[in-house]
Amino acid sequence: MSQQQSQFEEKWPQESPHVSQYSEAGFQRELNRDPREQQGYAYAPEQTYEYNDPYGQGEKLRPRPPLQSPQRRRRHPLRNLIIALVVLVALVMGAGTISYSMMAVPHYMGKMDGRPQPMMNSTYAGTQLVFHGVNGNLHIHTGNTTDVQMVTNGNVNVKSSIDNGVITLQQVGPDQPGFGDGNIDLTVPQNMPLTIDMARGPVDIEGLTSKMNISAADGEISIENSTLQDGSSLKTANGPINFSGSLESKGSYDFETLNGNIVARLPKDEAVNVSTNTLHGEITNHLNTSTDPNAASVTIKTINGSINVDNQ
């Protein structure tokens, strides 16, 4: 043995021989008491379990068989023809109903807010019309009729009465927001006298030749292509007055508003004497004073607004 090996052995202690843990003094070995490991133990037959894998794991992937197309139904040409005829008839009837509705409803009745509105139609027989309105758009025009025909839409409710030929229409309804927001269309005979008072809303009259007494608390009065007969008056508290038509000779007429402009357009060859007055506004009168004893006389007054009288 070399000198280096001798030095190495001196530095490291000698290992003691391996001694089993079971041979140490005072250790008692535990006995295996599990009955399954005892001699002569009989095992119960092994139970088997079935598991159906819904995803087919562990199986070899096989191509899915092609789906069989369902048996085509037998066509029935006669039944299809009947169905087509029914659909065609429904379309034709629907188009006819829409066309009739568009012809029966005046064009301005659709100038609301785009929403569908309930409509009511009424007919009255008489010789004179009186209308008391609360709120709404009132349009009166002539037509080929001897009766008064009323068409309304929106939140409008009108009650009627007839006494000695005088037709009285009274707008009524609950005191609630939006009441009276709608259109009232009146078709009347051309020579029917009118007495109209409107609390709020414009009054539009077209194509009549009659005596008209029109008043409004808050709204415009507009009359076109009409002839006023003696004693007619157009008055509003807050709103303009626009008149384009004729004045019956020898008659007296009043156009008056507190707050608004007044425009009157009269025929060139018509003899008219015009009297105008305003506190705050301009006056323009292109008509010459007539010396004809049969000339009509019209008084036009406003407080806050301009007056314009001209030829048509």
Protein backbone atom coordinates (compact mmCIF):
# COMPACT_ATOMS: atom_id res chain seq x y z
CA MET A 1 0.00 0.00 0.00
CA SER A 2 1.42 3.41 -0.94
CA GLN A 3 1.99 6.28 1.41
CA GLN A 4 -1.01 8.33 -0.05
CA GLN A 5 -3.45 5.50 0.49
CA SER A 6 -2.29 5.10 4.07
CA GLN A 7 -2.90 8.76 4.79
CA PHE A 8 -6.40 8.63 3.27
CA GLU A 9 -7.44 5.70 5.40
CA GLU A 10 -6.30 7.43 8.55
CA LYS A 11 -8.48 10.51 7.89
CA TRP A 12 -11.81 8.75 7.37
CA PRO A 13 -13.37 6.65 10.17
CA GLN A 14 -14.04 3.02 9.59
CA GLU A 15 -17.65 2.20 8.72
CA SER A 16 -19.54 -0.07 11.05
CA PRO A 17 -21.05 -3.19 9.55
CA HIS A 18 -24.73 -2.92 8.47
CA VAL A 19 -27.17 -3.90 11.13
CA SER A 20 -30.86 -4.51 10.29
CA GLN A 21 -33.48 -2.43 12.07
CA TYR A 22 -35.25 -5.59 13.09
CA SER A 23 -32.15 -6.90 14.89
CA GLU A 24 -31.83 -3.92 17.20
CA ALA A 25 -32.35 -4.58 20.80
CA GLY A 26 -35.84 -4.03 22.14
CA PHE A 27 -37.61 -3.90 18.74
CA GLN A 28 -40.74 -6.00 18.36
CA ARG A 29 -41.68 -6.91 14.81
CA GLU A 30 -45.31 -6.12 13.87
CA LEU A 31 -47.40 -8.97 12.56
CA ASN A 32 -49.38 -8.71 9.31
CA ARG A 33 -53.00 -9.31 10.29
CA ASP A 34 -54.63 -8.49 6.92
CA PRO A 35 -56.98 -11.47 6.25
CA ARG A 36 -56.45 -11.14 2.49
CA GLU A 37 -52.76 -11.96 2.96
CA GLN A 38 -53.27 -14.91 5.28
CA GLN A 39 -52.66 -18.40 4.07
CA GLY A 40 -55.80 -20.08 2.71
CA TYR A 41 -57.79 -16.85 2.05
CA ALA A 42 -60.28 -17.27 -0.80
CA TYR A 43 -60.81 -14.27 -3.00
CA ALA A 44 -64.30 -13.40 -4.25
CA PRO A 45 -64.76 -13.56 -7.97
CA GLU A 46 -63.84 -10.25 -9.63
CA GLN A 47 -66.79 -8.05 -10.59
CA THR A 48 -66.93 -6.60 -14.02
CA TYR A 49 -68.36 -3.18 -14.91
CA GLU A 50 -69.61 -1.89 -18.23
CA TYR A 51 -68.90 1.66 -19.40
CA ASN A 52 -70.38 3.15 -22.46
CA ASP A 53 -68.21 5.97 -23.68
CA PRO A 54 -70.44 8.50 -25.44
CA TYR A 55 -67.50 9.85 -27.35
CA GLY A 56 -66.11 6.54 -28.44
CA GLN A 57 -62.74 7.08 -26.81
CA GLY A 58 -60.40 4.21 -27.10
CA GLU A 59 -62.09 2.93 -30.21
CA LYS A 60 -60.77 3.10 -33.67
CA LEU A 61 -62.21 6.00 -35.64
CA ARG A 62 -64.43 4.87 -38.42
CA PRO A 63 -65.89 7.09 -41.17
CA ARG A 64 -69.48 8.06 -40.52
CA PRO A 65 -71.89 6.49 -42.94
CA PRO A 66 -73.50 9.02 -45.31
CA LEU A 67 -76.89 10.32 -44.29
CA GLN A 68 -79.73 8.97 -46.23
CA SER A 69 -81.80 11.71 -47.83
CA PRO A 70 -85.43 11.60 -46.68
CA GLN A 71 -87.90 10.36 -49.11
CA ARG A 72 -89.11 13.23 -51.23
CA ARG A 73 -92.68 14.16 -50.68
CA ARG A 74 -95.04 13.77 -53.45
CA ARG A 75 -95.92 17.06 -54.99
CA HIS A 76 -99.51 18.17 -55.31
CA PRO A 77 -99.78 20.63 -58.19
CA LEU A 78 -103.46 21.29 -57.57
CA ARG A 79 -102.93 22.18 -53.91
CA ASN A 80 -100.05 24.54 -54.76
CA LEU A 81 -102.18 26.23 -57.38
CA ILE A 82 -105.01 26.81 -54.88
CA ILE A 83 -102.59 28.33 -52.35
CA ALA A 84 -101.14 30.66 -54.99
CA LEU A 85 -104.61 31.83 -56.00
CA VAL A 86 -105.57 32.54 -52.38
CA VAL A 87 -102.40 34.63 -51.84
CA LEU A 88 -103.01 36.54 -55.08
CA VAL A 89 -106.60 37.37 -54.14
CA ALA A 90 -105.49 38.59 -50.69
CA LEU A 91 -102.87 40.88 -52.23
CA VAL A 92 -105.33 42.35 -54.72
CA MET A 93 -107.95 43.01 -52.01
CA GLY A 94 -105.34 44.61 -49.73
CA ALA A 95 -104.11 46.90 -52.50
CA GLY A 96 -107.67 47.93 -53.29
CA THR A 97 -108.37 48.78 -49.66
CA ILE A 98 -105.22 50.92 -49.42
CA SER A 99 -106.05 52.75 -52.66
CA TYR A 100 -109.60 53.46 -51.48
CA SER A 101 -108.34 54.76 -48.14
CA MET A 102 -105.87 57.11 -49.85
CA MET A 103 -108.62 58.47 -52.10
CA ALA A 104 -111.13 58.90 -49.30
CA VAL A 105 -108.79 60.71 -46.87
CA PRO A 106 -107.89 64.35 -47.63
CA HIS A 107 -104.21 64.86 -48.37
CA TYR A 108 -103.52 67.05 -45.35
CA MET A 109 -104.98 64.48 -42.94
CA GLY A 110 -101.66 62.64 -42.97
CA LYS A 111 -99.65 65.68 -41.84
CA MET A 112 -99.50 64.63 -38.24
CA ASP A 113 -96.35 63.02 -36.81
CA GLY A 114 -96.29 59.83 -38.86
CA ARG A 115 -98.17 57.75 -36.33
CA PRO A 116 -101.33 55.88 -37.35
CA GLN A 117 -104.39 57.77 -36.17
CA PRO A 118 -107.97 56.58 -35.64
CA MET A 119 -110.42 58.12 -38.12
CA MET A 120 -114.10 58.98 -37.78
CA ASN A 121 -116.59 59.94 -40.51
CA SER A 122 -119.91 61.70 -39.93
CA THR A 123 -122.58 63.35 -42.13
CA TYR A 124 -125.03 66.07 -41.12
CA ALA A 125 -127.93 67.66 -43.02
CA GLY A 126 -128.60 71.39 -42.52
CA THR A 127 -128.36 74.89 -43.98
CA GLN A 128 -125.89 76.57 -41.60
CA LEU A 129 -122.78 75.41 -39.75
CA VAL A 130 -121.59 76.46 -36.28
CA PHE A 131 -118.34 74.97 -35.02
CA HIS A 132 -116.85 75.42 -31.53
CA GLY A 133 -113.28 74.11 -31.45
CA VAL A 134 -110.86 73.64 -28.58
CA ASN A 135 -107.63 72.44 -30.14
CA GLY A 136 -106.62 71.04 -33.52
CA ASN A 137 -106.20 71.82 -37.20
CA LEU A 138 -109.49 72.85 -38.81
CA HIS A 139 -109.88 72.70 -42.59
CA ILE A 140 -113.14 73.65 -44.31
CA HIS A 141 -113.65 73.32 -48.05
CA THR A 142 -116.41 72.91 -50.57
CA GLY A 143 -117.32 69.72 -52.33
CA ASN A 144 -119.97 68.03 -54.43
CA THR A 145 -122.34 67.59 -51.53
CA THR A 146 -125.52 69.04 -50.05
CA ASP A 147 -124.63 67.89 -46.53
CA VAL A 148 -121.81 68.53 -44.12
CA GLN A 149 -119.28 65.72 -44.07
CA MET A 150 -116.77 65.56 -41.22
CA VAL A 151 -113.61 63.46 -41.07
CA THR A 152 -111.45 63.56 -37.95
CA ASN A 153 -108.30 61.83 -36.83
CA GLY A 154 -106.10 62.03 -33.77
CA ASN A 155 -107.29 62.74 -30.25
CA VAL A 156 -110.45 64.58 -31.38
CA ASN A 157 -113.97 64.13 -30.07
CA VAL A 158 -116.86 66.15 -31.55
CA LYS A 159 -120.50 66.15 -30.47
CA SER A 160 -123.26 67.39 -32.75
CA SER A 161 -126.75 68.78 -32.63
CA ILE A 162 -129.16 70.09 -35.29
CA ASP A 163 -131.84 72.69 -34.59
CA ASN A 164 -133.94 74.33 -37.35
CA GLY A 165 -131.31 73.55 -39.97
CA VAL A 166 -128.40 74.87 -37.87
CA ILE A 167 -125.70 72.22 -37.46
CA THR A 168 -123.73 72.76 -34.26
CA LEU A 169 -120.50 70.84 -33.79
CA GLN A 170 -118.86 71.07 -30.36
CA GLN A 171 -115.39 69.70 -29.72
CA VAL A 172 -115.29 68.06 -26.28
CA GLY A 173 -112.94 65.84 -24.32
CA PRO A 174 -111.09 65.32 -21.06
CA ASP A 175 -108.72 67.93 -19.73
CA GLN A 176 -105.49 66.08 -20.39
CA PRO A 177 -102.21 66.69 -22.28
CA GLY A 178 -102.50 66.05 -25.98
CA PHE A 179 -106.27 66.47 -26.09
CA GLY A 180 -107.39 67.80 -29.46
CA ASP A 181 -104.10 67.09 -31.22
CA GLY A 182 -105.54 66.08 -34.55
CA ASN A 183 -107.19 67.16 -37.78
CA ILE A 184 -110.78 68.12 -38.43
CA ASP A 185 -111.88 68.18 -42.07
CA LEU A 186 -115.29 69.61 -43.01
CA THR A 187 -116.72 69.37 -46.52
CA VAL A 188 -119.64 71.79 -46.86
CA PRO A 189 -121.92 73.15 -49.62
CA GLN A 190 -120.35 76.14 -51.36
CA ASN A 191 -122.92 78.71 -50.09
CA MET A 192 -123.27 77.47 -46.51
CA PRO A 193 -122.89 80.26 -43.88
CA LEU A 194 -120.16 79.57 -41.32
CA THR A 195 -119.69 80.60 -37.70
CA ILE A 196 -116.39 79.30 -36.39
CA ASP A 197 -114.64 79.94 -33.09
CA MET A 198 -111.41 78.14 -32.33
CA ALA A 199 -109.56 78.33 -29.02
CA ARG A 200 -106.26 77.02 -30.33
CA GLY A 201 -105.19 75.94 -33.77
CA PRO A 202 -105.19 77.19 -37.34
CA VAL A 203 -108.37 77.64 -39.40
CA ASP A 204 -108.06 77.03 -43.13
CA ILE A 205 -111.00 77.70 -45.50
CA GLU A 206 -111.02 77.17 -49.25
CA GLY A 207 -113.47 77.54 -52.14
CA LEU A 208 -116.58 78.95 -50.39
CA THR A 209 -118.94 81.81 -51.29
CA SER A 210 -120.79 82.64 -48.10
CA LYS A 211 -120.98 84.74 -44.99
CA MET A 212 -118.18 83.77 -42.63
CA ASN A 213 -117.61 84.84 -39.05
CA ILE A 214 -114.28 83.30 -38.05
CA SER A 215 -112.58 83.88 -34.70
CA ALA A 216 -109.58 82.29 -33.02
CA ALA A 217 -107.91 82.90 -29.68
CA ASP A 218 -104.53 81.50 -30.70
CA GLY A 219 -104.03 80.52 -34.30
CA GLU A 220 -103.79 81.58 -37.91
CA ILE A 221 -106.79 82.30 -40.13
CA SER A 222 -106.27 81.56 -43.81
CA ILE A 223 -108.92 81.89 -46.53
CA GLU A 224 -108.22 81.22 -50.21
CA ASN A 225 -110.25 81.18 -53.45
CA SER A 226 -113.34 82.29 -51.57
CA THR A 227 -115.87 85.14 -51.70
CA LEU A 228 -116.97 86.78 -48.49
CA GLN A 229 -120.54 87.96 -48.25
CA ASP A 230 -121.78 91.05 -46.40
CA GLY A 231 -121.16 91.01 -42.65
CA SER A 232 -118.19 88.59 -42.71
CA SER A 233 -115.41 89.04 -40.15
CA LEU A 234 -112.00 87.45 -39.54
CA LYS A 235 -110.61 87.97 -36.04
CA THR A 236 -107.81 86.38 -34.03
CA ALA A 237 -106.07 87.40 -30.82
CA ASN A 238 -102.69 85.86 -31.55
CA GLY A 239 -101.87 84.92 -35.12
CA PRO A 240 -101.74 86.21 -38.69
CA ILE A 241 -104.64 86.63 -41.12
CA ASN A 242 -104.24 85.76 -44.79
CA PHE A 243 -107.08 86.43 -47.23
CA SER A 244 -107.00 85.83 -50.97
CA GLY A 245 -110.38 86.17 -52.65
CA SER A 246 -113.26 88.51 -53.35
CA LEU A 247 -115.59 90.72 -51.35
CA GLU A 248 -119.24 90.95 -52.26
CA SER A 249 -120.16 94.46 -53.38
CA LYS A 250 -121.83 96.87 -50.96
CA GLY A 251 -120.75 94.72 -48.04
CA SER A 252 -118.84 95.58 -44.86
CA TYR A 253 -115.98 93.41 -43.64
CA ASP A 254 -113.58 93.34 -40.69
CA PHE A 255 -110.08 91.81 -40.56
CA GLU A 256 -108.56 92.17 -37.10
CA THR A 257 -105.73 90.71 -35.02
CA LEU A 258 -103.96 91.83 -31.87
CA ASN A 259 -100.61 90.21 -32.55
CA GLY A 260 -99.82 89.27 -36.13
CA ASN A 261 -99.56 90.43 -39.72
CA ILE A 262 -102.52 90.82 -42.07
CA VAL A 263 -102.31 90.19 -45.80
CA ALA A 264 -105.28 90.83 -48.12
CA ARG A 265 -105.13 90.13 -51.86
CA LEU A 266 -108.14 91.34 -53.85
CA PRO A 267 -109.03 91.31 -57.56
CA LYS A 268 -107.83 94.26 -59.66
CA ASP A 269 -111.21 95.15 -61.11
CA GLU A 270 -113.03 95.00 -57.77
CA ALA A 271 -114.22 98.27 -56.19
CA VAL A 272 -113.09 98.26 -52.58
CA ASN A 273 -112.52 100.93 -49.97
CA VAL A 274 -109.88 99.89 -47.47
CA SER A 275 -109.29 101.36 -44.01
CA THR A 276 -106.08 100.26 -42.26
CA ASN A 277 -104.66 100.85 -38.79
CA THR A 278 -101.68 99.48 -36.82
CA LEU A 279 -99.71 100.63 -33.79
CA HIS A 280 -96.47 98.72 -34.31
CA GLY A 281 -95.85 97.80 -37.93
CA GLU A 282 -95.83 98.98 -41.53
CA ILE A 283 -98.81 99.54 -43.81
CA THR A 284 -98.66 98.85 -47.54
CA ASN A 285 -101.76 99.51 -49.64
CA HIS A 286 -101.61 99.27 -53.41
CA LEU A 287 -105.35 99.78 -53.94
CA ASN A 288 -106.82 103.11 -54.95
CA THR A 289 -109.75 104.58 -53.08
CA SER A 290 -112.92 103.81 -54.99
CA THR A 291 -115.70 106.31 -55.66
CA ASP A 292 -118.10 103.58 -56.73
CA PRO A 293 -121.22 103.64 -54.52
CA ASN A 294 -121.36 99.84 -54.79
CA ALA A 295 -117.81 99.41 -53.51
CA ALA A 296 -117.21 97.06 -50.62
CA SER A 297 -115.80 98.45 -47.41
CA VAL A 298 -113.17 96.57 -45.41
CA THR A 299 -111.50 97.59 -42.16
CA ILE A 300 -108.09 96.05 -41.41
CA LYS A 301 -106.55 96.54 -37.95
CA THR A 302 -103.67 95.12 -35.95
CA ILE A 303 -101.72 96.25 -32.91
CA ASN A 304 -98.41 94.40 -33.32
CA GLY A 305 -97.90 93.60 -36.97
CA SER A 306 -97.80 94.84 -40.52
CA ILE A 307 -100.63 95.27 -43.03
CA ASN A 308 -100.23 94.49 -46.72
CA VAL A 309 -103.11 95.08 -49.17
CA ASP A 310 -102.45 94.20 -52.79
CA ASN A 311 -103.98 92.93 -56.00
CA GLN A 312 -104.10 89.27 -56.82
